[in-house]
Amino acid sequence: MMNFANMMKQAQEMQKKLQEVQKEFASKEYSAETGNGAVKVTCDGQGRFKSIKIGAEAINPENPSSVDVETLETLEDLISTALAQVTKQSKQEFETKVKQITGGIHIPGLF
């Protein structure tokens, strides 16, 4: 049986490691591209949206009025898909790292 002092020490070490992981992931960036690079979305390592870049091939900058509703809907789908992919990627990597530290124990407030 583990004594209380050892349990507290382990909990403090785990908390420190989790804080380090959160800091590490806050500084990471993830990007996803769709439409052969027409749309690029970037978020941080905690899944927060940071930016979106739309290439000239996605919209006709020379004649914006030539872009029809179907084109706009396609562009919206491309943006939504990229956001979903990058959010999933960063969340999965973060959860994997946290599980390595916690040994699979779920700690409320981390996810």
C-alpha atoms as a PDB file:
ATOM      1  CA  MET A   1       0.000   0.000   0.000  1.00  0.00           C
ATOM      2  CA  MET A   2       1.306   3.404  -1.039  1.00  0.00           C
ATOM      3  CA  ASN A   3       1.552   6.035   1.670  1.00  0.00           C
ATOM      4  CA  PHE A   4      -0.179   9.400   1.395  1.00  0.00           C
ATOM      5  CA  ALA A   5       3.024  11.431   1.059  1.00  0.00           C
ATOM      6  CA  ASN A   6       4.128   9.385  -1.945  1.00  0.00           C
ATOM      7  CA  MET A   7       0.689   9.739  -3.535  1.00  0.00           C
ATOM      8  CA  MET A   8       0.791  13.528  -3.086  1.00  0.00           C
ATOM      9  CA  LYS A   9       4.294  13.697  -4.552  1.00  0.00           C
ATOM     10  CA  GLN A  10       3.199  11.676  -7.585  1.00  0.00           C
ATOM     11  CA  ALA A  11       0.111  13.862  -8.028  1.00  0.00           C
ATOM     12  CA  GLN A  12       2.249  17.013  -7.933  1.00  0.00           C
ATOM     13  CA  GLU A  13       4.691  15.537 -10.461  1.00  0.00           C
ATOM     14  CA  MET A  14       1.803  14.572 -12.731  1.00  0.00           C
ATOM     15  CA  GLN A  15       0.301  18.062 -12.444  1.00  0.00           C
ATOM     16  CA  LYS A  16       3.652  19.626 -13.370  1.00  0.00           C
ATOM     17  CA  LYS A  17       4.004  17.350 -16.404  1.00  0.00           C
ATOM     18  CA  LEU A  18       0.453  18.156 -17.510  1.00  0.00           C
ATOM     19  CA  GLN A  19       1.147  21.881 -17.257  1.00  0.00           C
ATOM     20  CA  GLU A  20       4.287  21.389 -19.355  1.00  0.00           C
ATOM     21  CA  VAL A  21       2.277  19.508 -21.994  1.00  0.00           C
ATOM     22  CA  GLN A  22      -0.402  22.221 -22.058  1.00  0.00           C
ATOM     23  CA  LYS A  23       2.294  24.881 -22.531  1.00  0.00           C
ATOM     24  CA  GLU A  24       4.002  22.797 -25.217  1.00  0.00           C
ATOM     25  CA  PHE A  25       0.765  22.337 -27.158  1.00  0.00           C
ATOM     26  CA  ALA A  26      -0.222  26.003 -26.826  1.00  0.00           C
ATOM     27  CA  SER A  27       2.896  26.912 -28.821  1.00  0.00           C
ATOM     28  CA  LYS A  28       2.405  24.235 -31.509  1.00  0.00           C
ATOM     29  CA  GLU A  29       0.670  24.867 -34.794  1.00  0.00           C
ATOM     30  CA  TYR A  30      -1.247  22.425 -36.953  1.00  0.00           C
ATOM     31  CA  SER A  31      -2.331  23.032 -40.521  1.00  0.00           C
ATOM     32  CA  ALA A  32      -4.644  21.181 -42.865  1.00  0.00           C
ATOM     33  CA  GLU A  33      -5.160  21.790 -46.561  1.00  0.00           C
ATOM     34  CA  THR A  34      -8.034  20.841 -48.829  1.00  0.00           C
ATOM     35  CA  GLY A  35      -8.751  21.353 -52.508  1.00  0.00           C
ATOM     36  CA  ASN A  36      -5.123  20.787 -53.550  1.00  0.00           C
ATOM     37  CA  GLY A  37      -3.964  23.665 -51.370  1.00  0.00           C
ATOM     38  CA  ALA A  38      -6.787  26.071 -52.273  1.00  0.00           C
ATOM     39  CA  VAL A  39      -7.685  26.460 -48.591  1.00  0.00           C
ATOM     40  CA  LYS A  40      -5.317  26.212 -45.625  1.00  0.00           C
ATOM     41  CA  VAL A  41      -6.495  26.438 -42.005  1.00  0.00           C
ATOM     42  CA  THR A  42      -4.203  26.707 -38.995  1.00  0.00           C
ATOM     43  CA  CYS A  43      -4.943  26.198 -35.301  1.00  0.00           C
ATOM     44  CA  ASP A  44      -2.894  25.938 -32.140  1.00  0.00           C
ATOM     45  CA  GLY A  45      -2.093  22.708 -30.330  1.00  0.00           C
ATOM     46  CA  GLN A  46      -5.192  23.075 -28.186  1.00  0.00           C
ATOM     47  CA  GLY A  47      -7.455  23.101 -31.228  1.00  0.00           C
ATOM     48  CA  ARG A  48      -8.142  26.824 -31.281  1.00  0.00           C
ATOM     49  CA  PHE A  49      -8.529  28.287 -34.755  1.00  0.00           C
ATOM     50  CA  LYS A  50      -5.712  30.669 -35.704  1.00  0.00           C
ATOM     51  CA  SER A  51      -5.969  31.503 -39.388  1.00  0.00           C
ATOM     52  CA  ILE A  52      -7.303  30.633 -42.803  1.00  0.00           C
ATOM     53  CA  LYS A  53      -5.587  31.253 -46.137  1.00  0.00           C
ATOM     54  CA  ILE A  54      -7.571  31.155 -49.366  1.00  0.00           C
ATOM     55  CA  GLY A  55      -5.567  30.905 -52.566  1.00  0.00           C
ATOM     56  CA  ALA A  56      -6.356  32.849 -55.698  1.00  0.00           C
ATOM     57  CA  GLU A  57      -7.523  29.631 -57.323  1.00  0.00           C
ATOM     58  CA  ALA A  58     -10.361  29.389 -54.780  1.00  0.00           C
ATOM     59  CA  ILE A  59     -11.968  32.706 -55.791  1.00  0.00           C
ATOM     60  CA  ASN A  60     -11.518  34.769 -58.931  1.00  0.00           C
ATOM     61  CA  PRO A  61      -9.959  38.004 -57.600  1.00  0.00           C
ATOM     62  CA  GLU A  62     -10.143  39.631 -61.048  1.00  0.00           C
ATOM     63  CA  ASN A  63     -13.924  39.333 -61.237  1.00  0.00           C
ATOM     64  CA  PRO A  64     -15.610  38.560 -57.898  1.00  0.00           C
ATOM     65  CA  SER A  65     -19.083  38.854 -59.403  1.00  0.00           C
ATOM     66  CA  SER A  66     -18.334  35.769 -61.511  1.00  0.00           C
ATOM     67  CA  VAL A  67     -18.379  33.565 -58.381  1.00  0.00           C
ATOM     68  CA  ASP A  68     -21.745  31.798 -58.242  1.00  0.00           C
ATOM     69  CA  VAL A  69     -23.631  30.320 -55.277  1.00  0.00           C
ATOM     70  CA  GLU A  70     -22.436  26.776 -56.042  1.00  0.00           C
ATOM     71  CA  THR A  71     -18.823  27.991 -55.970  1.00  0.00           C
ATOM     72  CA  LEU A  72     -19.375  29.689 -52.626  1.00  0.00           C
ATOM     73  CA  GLU A  73     -20.974  26.532 -51.173  1.00  0.00           C
ATOM     74  CA  THR A  74     -18.037  24.462 -52.383  1.00  0.00           C
ATOM     75  CA  LEU A  75     -15.632  26.907 -50.739  1.00  0.00           C
ATOM     76  CA  GLU A  76     -17.610  26.738 -47.491  1.00  0.00           C
ATOM     77  CA  ASP A  77     -17.371  22.922 -47.579  1.00  0.00           C
ATOM     78  CA  LEU A  78     -13.612  23.096 -48.140  1.00  0.00           C
ATOM     79  CA  ILE A  79     -13.190  25.430 -45.160  1.00  0.00           C
ATOM     80  CA  SER A  80     -15.389  23.277 -42.909  1.00  0.00           C
ATOM     81  CA  THR A  81     -13.510  20.113 -43.865  1.00  0.00           C
ATOM     82  CA  ALA A  82     -10.111  21.688 -43.178  1.00  0.00           C
ATOM     83  CA  LEU A  83     -11.271  23.014 -39.791  1.00  0.00           C
ATOM     84  CA  ALA A  84     -12.582  19.593 -38.791  1.00  0.00           C
ATOM     85  CA  GLN A  85      -9.366  17.825 -39.845  1.00  0.00           C
ATOM     86  CA  VAL A  86      -6.959  20.132 -38.041  1.00  0.00           C
ATOM     87  CA  THR A  87      -9.094  20.222 -34.878  1.00  0.00           C
ATOM     88  CA  LYS A  88      -9.222  16.417 -34.765  1.00  0.00           C
ATOM     89  CA  GLN A  89      -5.463  16.087 -35.392  1.00  0.00           C
ATOM     90  CA  SER A  90      -4.411  18.439 -32.599  1.00  0.00           C
ATOM     91  CA  LYS A  91      -6.933  17.053 -30.108  1.00  0.00           C
ATOM     92  CA  GLN A  92      -5.864  13.444 -30.732  1.00  0.00           C
ATOM     93  CA  GLU A  93      -2.171  14.207 -30.261  1.00  0.00           C
ATOM     94  CA  PHE A  94      -2.856  16.173 -27.061  1.00  0.00           C
ATOM     95  CA  GLU A  95      -5.037  13.401 -25.613  1.00  0.00           C
ATOM     96  CA  THR A  96      -2.393  10.784 -26.458  1.00  0.00           C
ATOM     97  CA  LYS A  97       0.290  12.798 -24.665  1.00  0.00           C
ATOM     98  CA  VAL A  98      -1.931  13.329 -21.594  1.00  0.00           C
ATOM     99  CA  LYS A  99      -2.780   9.602 -21.453  1.00  0.00           C
ATOM    100  CA  GLN A 100       0.950   8.806 -21.465  1.00  0.00           C
ATOM    101  CA  ILE A 101       1.416  11.035 -18.417  1.00  0.00           C
ATOM    102  CA  THR A 102      -1.713   9.986 -16.517  1.00  0.00           C
ATOM    103  CA  GLY A 103      -1.590   6.305 -17.406  1.00  0.00           C
ATOM    104  CA  GLY A 104      -5.080   6.581 -18.877  1.00  0.00           C
ATOM    105  CA  ILE A 105      -6.691   8.091 -15.785  1.00  0.00           C
ATOM    106  CA  HIS A 106      -9.332  10.642 -16.783  1.00  0.00           C
ATOM    107  CA  ILE A 107      -8.828  13.977 -15.049  1.00  0.00           C
ATOM    108  CA  PRO A 108     -11.854  16.282 -15.301  1.00  0.00           C
ATOM    109  CA  GLY A 109     -11.168  19.580 -17.025  1.00  0.00           C
ATOM    110  CA  LEU A 110      -8.338  18.372 -19.253  1.00  0.00           C
ATOM    111  CA  PHE A 111     -10.440  17.402 -22.258  1.00  0.00           C
END
